[in-house]
C-alpha atoms as a PDB file:
ATOM      1  CA  MET A   1      16.319   2.822 -34.121  1.00  0.00           C
ATOM      2  CA  ARG A   2      17.558   0.451 -31.437  1.00  0.00           C
ATOM      3  CA  SER A   3      14.007   0.074 -30.151  1.00  0.00           C
ATOM      4  CA  LEU A   4      12.716  -0.635 -33.651  1.00  0.00           C
ATOM      5  CA  ARG A   5      15.349  -3.333 -34.148  1.00  0.00           C
ATOM      6  CA  ARG A   6      14.345  -5.029 -30.905  1.00  0.00           C
ATOM      7  CA  VAL A   7      10.686  -4.950 -31.912  1.00  0.00           C
ATOM      8  CA  TRP A   8      11.474  -6.344 -35.376  1.00  0.00           C
ATOM      9  CA  ARG A   9      13.121  -9.397 -33.805  1.00  0.00           C
ATOM     10  CA  VAL A  10       9.737 -10.443 -32.383  1.00  0.00           C
ATOM     11  CA  ARG A  11       7.995 -12.742 -34.848  1.00  0.00           C
ATOM     12  CA  ALA A  12       4.496 -11.630 -33.863  1.00  0.00           C
ATOM     13  CA  ALA A  13       5.517  -7.992 -34.307  1.00  0.00           C
ATOM     14  CA  ARG A  14       6.734  -8.669 -37.846  1.00  0.00           C
ATOM     15  CA  ALA A  15       3.397 -10.271 -38.743  1.00  0.00           C
ATOM     16  CA  ALA A  16       1.501  -7.374 -37.186  1.00  0.00           C
ATOM     17  CA  LEU A  17       3.616  -4.830 -39.072  1.00  0.00           C
ATOM     18  CA  LEU A  18       2.937  -6.603 -42.366  1.00  0.00           C
ATOM     19  CA  VAL A  19      -0.807  -6.522 -41.702  1.00  0.00           C
ATOM     20  CA  LEU A  20      -0.676  -2.846 -40.763  1.00  0.00           C
ATOM     21  CA  ALA A  21       1.420  -2.067 -43.829  1.00  0.00           C
ATOM     22  CA  ALA A  22      -1.246  -3.693 -46.010  1.00  0.00           C
ATOM     23  CA  VAL A  23      -3.964  -1.661 -44.262  1.00  0.00           C
ATOM     24  CA  ALA A  24      -1.908   1.502 -44.782  1.00  0.00           C
ATOM     25  CA  VAL A  25      -1.580   0.770 -48.500  1.00  0.00           C
ATOM     26  CA  LEU A  26      -5.330   0.240 -48.761  1.00  0.00           C
ATOM     27  CA  ALA A  27      -5.978   3.441 -46.835  1.00  0.00           C
ATOM     28  CA  VAL A  28      -3.833   5.410 -49.290  1.00  0.00           C
ATOM     29  CA  ALA A  29      -4.651   3.640 -52.561  1.00  0.00           C
ATOM     30  CA  GLY A  30      -7.798   1.681 -51.772  1.00  0.00           C
ATOM     31  CA  GLY A  31      -9.951   3.796 -54.085  1.00  0.00           C
ATOM     32  CA  ALA A  32      -7.567   3.283 -56.997  1.00  0.00           C
ATOM     33  CA  LEU A  33      -7.428  -0.469 -56.364  1.00  0.00           C
ATOM     34  CA  SER A  34     -11.212  -0.866 -56.286  1.00  0.00           C
ATOM     35  CA  PRO A  35     -12.385  -2.964 -59.264  1.00  0.00           C
ATOM     36  CA  ASP A  36     -15.699  -1.051 -59.499  1.00  0.00           C
ATOM     37  CA  ASP A  37     -17.207   2.224 -58.458  1.00  0.00           C
ATOM     38  CA  PRO A  38     -18.095   1.775 -54.748  1.00  0.00           C
ATOM     39  CA  LEU A  39     -21.181   3.967 -55.179  1.00  0.00           C
ATOM     40  CA  ALA A  40     -22.453   2.466 -58.460  1.00  0.00           C
ATOM     41  CA  GLN A  41     -25.793   0.672 -58.006  1.00  0.00           C
ATOM     42  CA  ASP A  42     -26.896  -2.339 -60.042  1.00  0.00           C
ATOM     43  CA  THR A  43     -30.457  -3.308 -59.181  1.00  0.00           C
ATOM     44  CA  ALA A  44     -30.213  -6.400 -61.373  1.00  0.00           C
ATOM     45  CA  ASN A  45     -27.482  -7.890 -59.162  1.00  0.00           C
ATOM     46  CA  MET A  46     -28.616  -7.153 -55.624  1.00  0.00           C
ATOM     47  CA  LEU A  47     -27.508  -9.427 -52.753  1.00  0.00           C
ATOM     48  CA  HIS A  48     -25.451 -11.719 -54.961  1.00  0.00           C
ATOM     49  CA  GLY A  49     -22.856 -13.990 -53.424  1.00  0.00           C
ATOM     50  CA  PRO A  50     -19.153 -14.014 -54.254  1.00  0.00           C
ATOM     51  CA  GLY A  51     -18.338 -14.763 -57.873  1.00  0.00           C
ATOM     52  CA  ALA A  52     -16.047 -13.938 -60.764  1.00  0.00           C
ATOM     53  CA  ALA A  53     -17.703 -10.568 -61.393  1.00  0.00           C
ATOM     54  CA  HIS A  54     -17.864  -9.583 -57.715  1.00  0.00           C
ATOM     55  CA  TRP A  55     -15.291 -11.362 -55.553  1.00  0.00           C
ATOM     56  CA  LEU A  56     -17.096 -10.579 -52.288  1.00  0.00           C
ATOM     57  CA  GLY A  57     -20.588 -10.292 -53.720  1.00  0.00           C
ATOM     58  CA  THR A  58     -22.920  -7.311 -53.833  1.00  0.00           C
ATOM     59  CA  ASP A  59     -24.980  -5.515 -51.211  1.00  0.00           C
ATOM     60  CA  TYR A  60     -28.687  -4.663 -51.042  1.00  0.00           C
ATOM     61  CA  LEU A  61     -28.270  -1.999 -53.764  1.00  0.00           C
ATOM     62  CA  GLY A  62     -26.103  -4.093 -56.059  1.00  0.00           C
ATOM     63  CA  ARG A  63     -22.876  -2.287 -55.113  1.00  0.00           C
ATOM     64  CA  ASP A  64     -19.623  -4.238 -55.189  1.00  0.00           C
ATOM     65  CA  VAL A  65     -18.684  -5.188 -51.612  1.00  0.00           C
ATOM     66  CA  LEU A  66     -14.943  -5.468 -52.304  1.00  0.00           C
ATOM     67  CA  SER A  67     -14.843  -1.983 -53.832  1.00  0.00           C
ATOM     68  CA  ARG A  68     -16.722  -0.512 -50.896  1.00  0.00           C
ATOM     69  CA  LEU A  69     -14.457  -2.302 -48.424  1.00  0.00           C
ATOM     70  CA  LEU A  70     -11.307  -0.983 -50.109  1.00  0.00           C
ATOM     71  CA  SER A  71     -12.645   2.544 -50.424  1.00  0.00           C
ATOM     72  CA  GLY A  72     -13.980   2.560 -46.874  1.00  0.00           C
ATOM     73  CA  THR A  73     -10.545   1.784 -45.434  1.00  0.00           C
ATOM     74  CA  ALA A  74      -9.357   5.358 -45.996  1.00  0.00           C
ATOM     75  CA  LEU A  75     -12.191   6.995 -44.048  1.00  0.00           C
ATOM     76  CA  SER A  76     -12.086   4.468 -41.209  1.00  0.00           C
ATOM     77  CA  VAL A  77      -8.313   4.621 -40.719  1.00  0.00           C
ATOM     78  CA  ALA A  78      -8.112   8.385 -41.228  1.00  0.00           C
ATOM     79  CA  GLY A  79     -10.800   8.917 -38.618  1.00  0.00           C
ATOM     80  CA  ALA A  80      -8.966   6.810 -36.043  1.00  0.00           C
ATOM     81  CA  LEU A  81      -5.635   8.531 -36.747  1.00  0.00           C
ATOM     82  CA  GLU A  82      -7.238  11.960 -36.507  1.00  0.00           C
ATOM     83  CA  ALA A  83      -8.766  11.124 -33.137  1.00  0.00           C
ATOM     84  CA  VAL A  84      -5.502   9.733 -31.740  1.00  0.00           C
ATOM     85  CA  GLY A  85      -3.513  12.672 -33.125  1.00  0.00           C
ATOM     86  CA  ALA A  86      -5.825  15.107 -31.367  1.00  0.00           C
ATOM     87  CA  ALA A  87      -5.587  13.041 -28.172  1.00  0.00           C
ATOM     88  CA  MET A  88      -1.785  13.132 -28.268  1.00  0.00           C
ATOM     89  CA  ALA A  89      -1.755  16.893 -28.770  1.00  0.00           C
ATOM     90  CA  LEU A  90      -4.184  17.370 -25.883  1.00  0.00           C
ATOM     91  CA  GLY A  91      -2.607  14.770 -23.591  1.00  0.00           C
ATOM     92  CA  VAL A  92       1.166  14.459 -24.023  1.00  0.00           C
ATOM     93  CA  LEU A  93       2.142  18.125 -23.768  1.00  0.00           C
ATOM     94  CA  PRO A  94      -0.157  18.871 -20.793  1.00  0.00           C
ATOM     95  CA  GLY A  95       1.161  15.687 -19.141  1.00  0.00           C
ATOM     96  CA  LEU A  96       4.718  17.034 -19.329  1.00  0.00           C
ATOM     97  CA  ALA A  97       3.588  20.516 -18.330  1.00  0.00           C
ATOM     98  CA  SER A  98       1.847  19.197 -15.211  1.00  0.00           C
ATOM     99  CA  VAL A  99       5.196  17.856 -13.965  1.00  0.00           C
ATOM    100  CA  TRP A 100       7.466  20.751 -14.921  1.00  0.00           C
ATOM    101  CA  LEU A 101       5.380  23.948 -14.688  1.00  0.00           C
ATOM    102  CA  GLY A 102       4.453  24.071 -11.031  1.00  0.00           C
ATOM    103  CA  ARG A 103       1.632  23.164  -8.663  1.00  0.00           C
ATOM    104  CA  GLY A 104      -0.943  25.453 -10.250  1.00  0.00           C
ATOM    105  CA  VAL A 105      -0.672  23.880 -13.690  1.00  0.00           C
ATOM    106  CA  GLU A 106      -0.523  20.423 -12.118  1.00  0.00           C
ATOM    107  CA  TRP A 107      -3.706  20.913 -10.092  1.00  0.00           C
ATOM    108  CA  SER A 108      -5.632  22.403 -13.020  1.00  0.00           C
ATOM    109  CA  ALA A 109      -4.556  19.658 -15.423  1.00  0.00           C
ATOM    110  CA  LEU A 110      -5.447  16.867 -12.995  1.00  0.00           C
ATOM    111  CA  ARG A 111      -8.887  18.310 -12.337  1.00  0.00           C
ATOM    112  CA  ALA A 112      -9.573  18.667 -16.067  1.00  0.00           C
ATOM    113  CA  VAL A 113      -8.496  15.076 -16.703  1.00  0.00           C
ATOM    114  CA  ASP A 114     -10.668  13.793 -13.860  1.00  0.00           C
ATOM    115  CA  ALA A 115     -13.659  15.608 -15.373  1.00  0.00           C
ATOM    116  CA  LEU A 116     -13.028  14.205 -18.870  1.00  0.00           C
ATOM    117  CA  MET A 117     -12.705  10.646 -17.568  1.00  0.00           C
ATOM    118  CA  THR A 118     -16.286  10.756 -16.293  1.00  0.00           C
ATOM    119  CA  LEU A 119     -17.720  11.390 -19.775  1.00  0.00           C
ATOM    120  CA  PRO A 120     -19.056   8.401 -21.751  1.00  0.00           C
ATOM    121  CA  PHE A 121     -17.596   8.079 -25.244  1.00  0.00           C
ATOM    122  CA  THR A 122     -20.706   7.584 -27.344  1.00  0.00           C
ATOM    123  CA  VAL A 123     -22.931  10.063 -25.506  1.00  0.00           C
ATOM    124  CA  PHE A 124     -20.280  12.795 -25.618  1.00  0.00           C
ATOM    125  CA  ALA A 125     -19.615  12.167 -29.319  1.00  0.00           C
ATOM    126  CA  ILE A 126     -23.329  12.368 -30.092  1.00  0.00           C
ATOM    127  CA  ALA A 127     -23.586  15.619 -28.131  1.00  0.00           C
ATOM    128  CA  VAL A 128     -20.636  17.181 -29.983  1.00  0.00           C
ATOM    129  CA  VAL A 129     -21.971  16.061 -33.360  1.00  0.00           C
ATOM    130  CA  GLY A 130     -25.365  17.479 -32.451  1.00  0.00           C
ATOM    131  CA  ALA A 131     -23.831  20.811 -31.478  1.00  0.00           C
ATOM    132  CA  LEU A 132     -21.248  21.170 -34.275  1.00  0.00           C
ATOM    133  CA  GLY A 133     -22.880  19.205 -37.080  1.00  0.00           C
ATOM    134  CA  ASN A 134     -22.685  15.628 -38.277  1.00  0.00           C
ATOM    135  CA  GLY A 135     -19.224  15.330 -39.800  1.00  0.00           C
ATOM    136  CA  MET A 136     -16.098  13.236 -39.482  1.00  0.00           C
ATOM    137  CA  HIS A 137     -13.940  16.028 -38.057  1.00  0.00           C
ATOM    138  CA  GLN A 138     -16.470  16.908 -35.362  1.00  0.00           C
ATOM    139  CA  ALA A 139     -16.837  13.300 -34.251  1.00  0.00           C
ATOM    140  CA  MET A 140     -13.074  12.704 -34.243  1.00  0.00           C
ATOM    141  CA  LEU A 141     -12.476  15.880 -32.238  1.00  0.00           C
ATOM    142  CA  ALA A 142     -14.850  14.533 -29.607  1.00  0.00           C
ATOM    143  CA  LEU A 143     -12.980  11.219 -29.560  1.00  0.00           C
ATOM    144  CA  GLY A 144      -9.657  13.015 -29.315  1.00  0.00           C
ATOM    145  CA  VAL A 145     -10.816  14.929 -26.259  1.00  0.00           C
ATOM    146  CA  LEU A 146     -11.942  11.699 -24.581  1.00  0.00           C
ATOM    147  CA  PHE A 147      -8.714   9.826 -25.420  1.00  0.00           C
ATOM    148  CA  ALA A 148      -6.536  12.688 -24.163  1.00  0.00           C
ATOM    149  CA  PRO A 149      -6.624  11.587 -20.463  1.00  0.00           C
ATOM    150  CA  LEU A 150      -5.035   8.268 -21.448  1.00  0.00           C
ATOM    151  CA  PHE A 151      -1.995  10.001 -22.961  1.00  0.00           C
ATOM    152  CA  PHE A 152      -1.909  12.540 -20.144  1.00  0.00           C
ATOM    153  CA  ARG A 153      -1.695   9.892 -17.433  1.00  0.00           C
ATOM    154  CA  VAL A 154       0.877   7.760 -19.245  1.00  0.00           C
ATOM    155  CA  THR A 155       3.122  10.741 -20.020  1.00  0.00           C
ATOM    156  CA  ARG A 156       2.793  12.133 -16.517  1.00  0.00           C
ATOM    157  CA  ALA A 157       3.560   8.761 -14.925  1.00  0.00           C
ATOM    158  CA  ALA A 158       6.796   8.411 -16.884  1.00  0.00           C
ATOM    159  CA  ALA A 159       7.855  12.037 -16.390  1.00  0.00           C
ATOM    160  CA  LEU A 160       7.219  12.013 -12.630  1.00  0.00           C
ATOM    161  CA  GLY A 161       9.907   9.433 -11.993  1.00  0.00           C
ATOM    162  CA  LEU A 162      12.377  10.901 -14.462  1.00  0.00           C
ATOM    163  CA  LYS A 163      12.076  14.412 -13.037  1.00  0.00           C
ATOM    164  CA  GLN A 164      14.014  13.481  -9.890  1.00  0.00           C
ATOM    165  CA  ALA A 165      16.417  11.034 -11.495  1.00  0.00           C
ATOM    166  CA  GLN A 166      20.032  11.706 -10.553  1.00  0.00           C
ATOM    167  CA  TYR A 167      21.213  12.508 -14.071  1.00  0.00           C
ATOM    168  CA  VAL A 168      18.375  15.044 -14.462  1.00  0.00           C
ATOM    169  CA  GLU A 169      19.300  16.677 -11.159  1.00  0.00           C
ATOM    170  CA  ALA A 170      22.946  16.765 -12.313  1.00  0.00           C
ATOM    171  CA  ALA A 171      21.905  18.494 -15.527  1.00  0.00           C
ATOM    172  CA  GLU A 172      19.991  21.110 -13.537  1.00  0.00           C
ATOM    173  CA  LEU A 173      22.983  21.705 -11.263  1.00  0.00           C
ATOM    174  CA  VAL A 174      25.292  22.439 -14.178  1.00  0.00           C
ATOM    175  CA  GLY A 175      22.828  24.971 -15.586  1.00  0.00           C
ATOM    176  CA  ALA A 176      20.954  23.021 -18.273  1.00  0.00           C
ATOM    177  CA  SER A 177      17.707  24.675 -19.317  1.00  0.00           C
ATOM    178  CA  ARG A 178      14.371  23.031 -18.732  1.00  0.00           C
ATOM    179  CA  TRP A 179      13.720  22.597 -22.451  1.00  0.00           C
ATOM    180  CA  TRP A 180      17.180  21.056 -22.994  1.00  0.00           C
ATOM    181  CA  ILE A 181      16.491  18.526 -20.226  1.00  0.00           C
ATOM    182  CA  LEU A 182      13.081  17.698 -21.658  1.00  0.00           C
ATOM    183  CA  ARG A 183      14.493  17.219 -25.144  1.00  0.00           C
ATOM    184  CA  VAL A 184      17.608  15.255 -24.219  1.00  0.00           C
ATOM    185  CA  HIS A 185      16.773  13.312 -21.063  1.00  0.00           C
ATOM    186  CA  ILE A 186      12.981  13.073 -20.818  1.00  0.00           C
ATOM    187  CA  TRP A 187      11.396  12.839 -24.237  1.00  0.00           C
ATOM    188  CA  GLY A 188      13.553  10.013 -25.552  1.00  0.00           C
ATOM    189  CA  LYS A 189      12.750   7.832 -22.537  1.00  0.00           C
ATOM    190  CA  ILE A 190       8.994   8.374 -22.506  1.00  0.00           C
ATOM    191  CA  LEU A 191       8.612   8.065 -26.286  1.00  0.00           C
ATOM    192  CA  PRO A 192       8.530   4.214 -26.351  1.00  0.00           C
ATOM    193  CA  THR A 193       5.863   4.238 -23.640  1.00  0.00           C
ATOM    194  CA  VAL A 194       3.862   6.766 -25.651  1.00  0.00           C
ATOM    195  CA  ALA A 195       4.292   4.510 -28.704  1.00  0.00           C
ATOM    196  CA  VAL A 196       2.753   1.564 -26.845  1.00  0.00           C
ATOM    197  CA  THR A 197      -0.148   3.746 -25.751  1.00  0.00           C
ATOM    198  CA  THR A 198      -0.587   5.072 -29.295  1.00  0.00           C
ATOM    199  CA  ALA A 199      -0.859   1.587 -30.798  1.00  0.00           C
ATOM    200  CA  HIS A 200      -3.476   0.576 -28.248  1.00  0.00           C
ATOM    201  CA  ALA A 201      -5.319   3.880 -28.684  1.00  0.00           C
ATOM    202  CA  ILE A 202      -5.508   3.541 -32.481  1.00  0.00           C
ATOM    203  CA  GLY A 203      -7.067   0.114 -32.046  1.00  0.00           C
ATOM    204  CA  GLN A 204      -9.620   1.475 -29.591  1.00  0.00           C
ATOM    205  CA  ALA A 205     -10.284   4.448 -31.865  1.00  0.00           C
ATOM    206  CA  LEU A 206     -10.950   2.135 -34.818  1.00  0.00           C
ATOM    207  CA  LEU A 207     -13.567   0.316 -32.750  1.00  0.00           C
ATOM    208  CA  VAL A 208     -15.176   3.587 -31.643  1.00  0.00           C
ATOM    209  CA  VAL A 209     -15.132   4.972 -35.201  1.00  0.00           C
ATOM    210  CA  ALA A 210     -16.777   1.775 -36.429  1.00  0.00           C
ATOM    211  CA  SER A 211     -19.385   2.114 -33.680  1.00  0.00           C
ATOM    212  CA  LEU A 212     -20.143   5.733 -34.579  1.00  0.00           C
ATOM    213  CA  THR A 213     -20.391   5.032 -38.312  1.00  0.00           C
ATOM    214  CA  PHE A 214     -22.543   2.014 -37.466  1.00  0.00           C
ATOM    215  CA  LEU A 215     -24.927   4.515 -35.863  1.00  0.00           C
ATOM    216  CA  GLY A 216     -24.662   6.897 -38.828  1.00  0.00           C
ATOM    217  CA  LEU A 217     -22.481   9.476 -37.088  1.00  0.00           C
ATOM    218  CA  GLY A 218     -19.412  11.111 -38.578  1.00  0.00           C
ATOM    219  CA  VAL A 219     -19.706   9.787 -42.145  1.00  0.00           C
ATOM    220  CA  GLN A 220     -23.027   9.900 -43.943  1.00  0.00           C
ATOM    221  CA  PRO A 221     -24.171   7.157 -46.339  1.00  0.00           C
ATOM    222  CA  PRO A 222     -23.608   6.295 -49.131  1.00  0.00           C
ATOM    223  CA  ALA A 223     -19.907   6.955 -48.354  1.00  0.00           C
ATOM    224  CA  PRO A 224     -18.430   3.541 -47.484  1.00  0.00           C
ATOM    225  CA  THR A 225     -16.963   2.850 -44.039  1.00  0.00           C
ATOM    226  CA  TRP A 226     -16.341  -0.378 -42.177  1.00  0.00           C
ATOM    227  CA  GLY A 227     -18.962   0.384 -39.542  1.00  0.00           C
ATOM    228  CA  GLY A 228     -21.497   1.602 -42.113  1.00  0.00           C
ATOM    229  CA  MET A 229     -21.098  -1.569 -44.175  1.00  0.00           C
ATOM    230  CA  LEU A 230     -21.586  -3.660 -41.051  1.00  0.00           C
ATOM    231  CA  ALA A 231     -24.802  -1.805 -40.202  1.00  0.00           C
ATOM    232  CA  ALA A 232     -26.157  -2.233 -43.737  1.00  0.00           C
ATOM    233  CA  ASP A 233     -25.344  -5.949 -43.851  1.00  0.00           C
ATOM    234  CA  LEU A 234     -27.130  -6.653 -40.570  1.00  0.00           C
ATOM    235  CA  GLY A 235     -30.407  -5.646 -42.187  1.00  0.00           C
ATOM    236  CA  PHE A 236     -30.214  -8.520 -44.673  1.00  0.00           C
ATOM    237  CA  LEU A 237     -29.063 -11.458 -42.576  1.00  0.00           C
ATOM    238  CA  ALA A 238     -31.812 -13.682 -43.951  1.00  0.00           C
ATOM    239  CA  GLN A 239     -30.505 -13.278 -47.515  1.00  0.00           C
ATOM    240  CA  GLN A 240     -26.760 -13.061 -46.733  1.00  0.00           C
ATOM    241  CA  PRO A 241     -25.945 -14.391 -43.258  1.00  0.00           C
ATOM    242  CA  TRP A 242     -22.209 -14.312 -44.029  1.00  0.00           C
ATOM    243  CA  ALA A 243     -22.062 -10.694 -45.246  1.00  0.00           C
ATOM    244  CA  PRO A 244     -21.415  -8.971 -41.861  1.00  0.00           C
ATOM    245  CA  LEU A 245     -18.414 -11.239 -41.306  1.00  0.00           C
ATOM    246  CA  ILE A 246     -16.424  -9.423 -44.015  1.00  0.00           C
ATOM    247  CA  PRO A 247     -16.214  -5.903 -42.478  1.00  0.00           C
ATOM    248  CA  ALA A 248     -16.156  -7.396 -38.982  1.00  0.00           C
ATOM    249  CA  ALA A 249     -13.136  -9.561 -39.873  1.00  0.00           C
ATOM    250  CA  VAL A 250     -11.270  -6.569 -41.310  1.00  0.00           C
ATOM    251  CA  ILE A 251     -11.903  -4.579 -38.132  1.00  0.00           C
ATOM    252  CA  MET A 252     -10.855  -7.473 -35.890  1.00  0.00           C
ATOM    253  CA  ILE A 253      -7.664  -8.211 -37.841  1.00  0.00           C
ATOM    254  CA  THR A 254      -6.583  -4.561 -37.872  1.00  0.00           C
ATOM    255  CA  VAL A 255      -7.277  -3.983 -34.188  1.00  0.00           C
ATOM    256  CA  GLY A 256      -5.635  -7.295 -33.306  1.00  0.00           C
ATOM    257  CA  ALA A 257      -2.488  -6.363 -35.243  1.00  0.00           C
ATOM    258  CA  LEU A 258      -2.277  -3.028 -33.411  1.00  0.00           C
ATOM    259  CA  ASN A 259      -2.614  -4.713 -30.029  1.00  0.00           C
ATOM    260  CA  ILE A 260      -0.004  -7.333 -30.936  1.00  0.00           C
ATOM    261  CA  LEU A 261       2.380  -4.577 -32.026  1.00  0.00           C
ATOM    262  CA  ALA A 262       1.840  -2.671 -28.780  1.00  0.00           C
ATOM    263  CA  ASP A 263       2.486  -5.811 -26.731  1.00  0.00           C
ATOM    264  CA  ALA A 264       5.624  -6.540 -28.760  1.00  0.00           C
ATOM    265  CA  ILE A 265       6.990  -3.045 -28.124  1.00  0.00           C
ATOM    266  CA  ARG A 266       6.365  -3.469 -24.410  1.00  0.00           C
ATOM    267  CA  ASP A 267       7.717  -7.008 -24.176  1.00  0.00           C
ATOM    268  CA  SER A 268      10.838  -6.175 -26.163  1.00  0.00           C
ATOM    269  CA  GLY A 269      11.866  -3.712 -23.491  1.00  0.00           C
ATOM    270  CA  ALA A 270      11.542  -0.648 -25.717  1.00  0.00           C
ATOM    271  CA  SER A 271       9.076   0.935 -23.306  1.00  0.00           C
ATOM    272  CA  THR A 272      10.997   0.111 -20.102  1.00  0.00           C
ATOM    273  CA  GLU A 273      14.212   2.038 -20.530  1.00  0.00           C
ATOM    274  CA  LEU A 274      13.903   4.041 -17.319  1.00  0.00           C
ATOM    275  CA  PRO A 275      17.036   3.781 -15.162  1.00  0.00           C
ATOM    276  CA  ARG A 276      17.022   2.178 -11.745  1.00  0.00           C
ATOM    277  CA  ASP A 277      17.454   5.458  -9.866  1.00  0.00           C
ATOM    278  CA  VAL A 278      13.988   6.486 -11.062  1.00  0.00           C
ATOM    279  CA  LEU A 279      12.588   3.881  -8.681  1.00  0.00           C
ATOM    280  CA  ALA A 280      14.262   5.466  -5.670  1.00  0.00           C
ATOM    281  CA  SER A 281      13.538   9.038  -6.688  1.00  0.00           C
ATOM    282  CA  ALA A 282       9.888   8.739  -7.713  1.00  0.00           C
ATOM    283  CA  PRO A 283       7.812  10.651  -5.155  1.00  0.00           C
ATOM    284  CA  ALA A 284       5.512   8.372  -3.210  1.00  0.00           C
ATOM    285  CA  ASP A 285       2.864  10.902  -2.265  1.00  0.00           C
ATOM    286  CA  ARG A 286       2.085  12.686  -5.525  1.00  0.00           C
ATOM    287  CA  ASP A 287      -0.654  10.406  -6.913  1.00  0.00           C
ATOM    288  CA  GLU A 288      -1.140   7.017  -8.491  1.00  0.00           C
ATOM    289  CA  SER A 289       0.966   8.043 -11.485  1.00  0.00           C
ATOM    290  CA  ALA A 290       4.132   7.530  -9.449  1.00  0.00           C
ATOM    291  CA  SER A 291       3.237   3.899  -8.835  1.00  0.00           C
ATOM    292  CA  VAL A 292       2.789   3.418 -12.584  1.00  0.00           C
ATOM    293  CA  ALA A 293       6.274   4.835 -13.140  1.00  0.00           C
ATOM    294  CA  ARG A 294       7.755   2.455 -10.574  1.00  0.00           C
ATOM    295  CA  ALA A 295       6.015  -0.524 -12.130  1.00  0.00           C
ATOM    296  CA  SER A 296       7.567   0.255 -15.502  1.00  0.00           C
ATOM    297  CA  VAL A 297      11.162   0.164 -14.205  1.00  0.00           C
ATOM    298  CA  GLN A 298      13.306  -2.851 -15.054  1.00  0.00           C
ATOM    299  CA  GLU A 299      17.050  -3.047 -15.705  1.00  0.00           C
ATOM    300  CA  PRO A 300      19.316   0.026 -15.922  1.00  0.00           C
ATOM    301  CA  ARG A 301      20.688   0.882 -19.337  1.00  0.00           C
ATOM    302  CA  THR A 302      23.547   3.203 -18.383  1.00  0.00           C
ATOM    303  CA  SER A 303      25.835   3.673 -15.406  1.00  0.00           C
ATOM    304  CA  ARG A 304      25.468   6.667 -13.125  1.00  0.00           C
ATOM    305  CA  LYS A 305      28.810   8.031 -14.287  1.00  0.00           C
ATOM    306  CA  GLU A 306      27.628   7.907 -17.904  1.00  0.00           C
ATOM    307  CA  GLN A 307      24.378   9.588 -16.879  1.00  0.00           C
ATOM    308  CA  ALA A 308      26.236  12.424 -15.129  1.00  0.00           C
ATOM    309  CA  ASP A 309      28.523  12.872 -18.144  1.00  0.00           C
ATOM    310  CA  ALA A 310      25.539  12.975 -20.522  1.00  0.00           C
ATOM    311  CA  ALA A 311      23.859  15.581 -18.344  1.00  0.00           C
ATOM    312  CA  VAL A 312      26.341  18.331 -19.235  1.00  0.00           C
ATOM    313  CA  PRO A 313      24.789  20.503 -21.968  1.00  0.00           C
ATOM    314  CA  VAL A 314      26.693  21.487 -25.026  1.00  0.00           C
ATOM    315  CA  ALA A 315      27.969  25.039 -24.797  1.00  0.00           C
END
């Protein structure tokens, strides 16, 4: 809650949260708010400009653009959230496990992450869709696998420094279990950093989802999506040169709000709550993740005496 209050004090963060709240409402209730059926065709009103009957005009089949935009929000946002959720499940837990479960798990996890980082997003997604079938869940699973190394590296970088912090060592000396230490001392301090990464990742996932639906992958026409609408509008630039700007603007505003929110969380200090002794205790020869942990350290939040006191587990 303290981190949320600090973020809310940032004016840009408040604006970004309002934009994201509006997108969330449209994702949940966009279909109910649509003035017309997004799939209804009206051949007598094809490629009409904005007017009283159709606020954003009609497309090449006479379908209401506003209705399709509102209805397409749910699929576009749900796809991005599904991909990021899968990436967090595949990246955060293995990132913690690579630090706390020994050299064997660490080596295996690092090699798997190195292999995944060499795969191109679009090509891998096309391969998975070709193997498992053209559907939203298949495409988002592929994206989740490719986003997982991002969460793995961020989580591992934060946990590496915290593992040898003095208050963590004190907790181990007094007999605290590994899971108690992870829950009390580790997770709460890496969560803001994971939140920053999540906001950036959702923005990237929205762009990738739009790219895949632009290519016809994941969601099949005539189901409306932001990327699918953009692809359809590009075929009729001579008749409606302004039409692609509508879905493109929605994508840009949403992704921009997510990036602004992530920057606000980072700049507010919510993601830099690692104590100063992490800097001295972070191992220098593990890998580049340790340097990331050192770079994230700023001012201490608690004294060492308070840290030692907090390390004693409840009987």
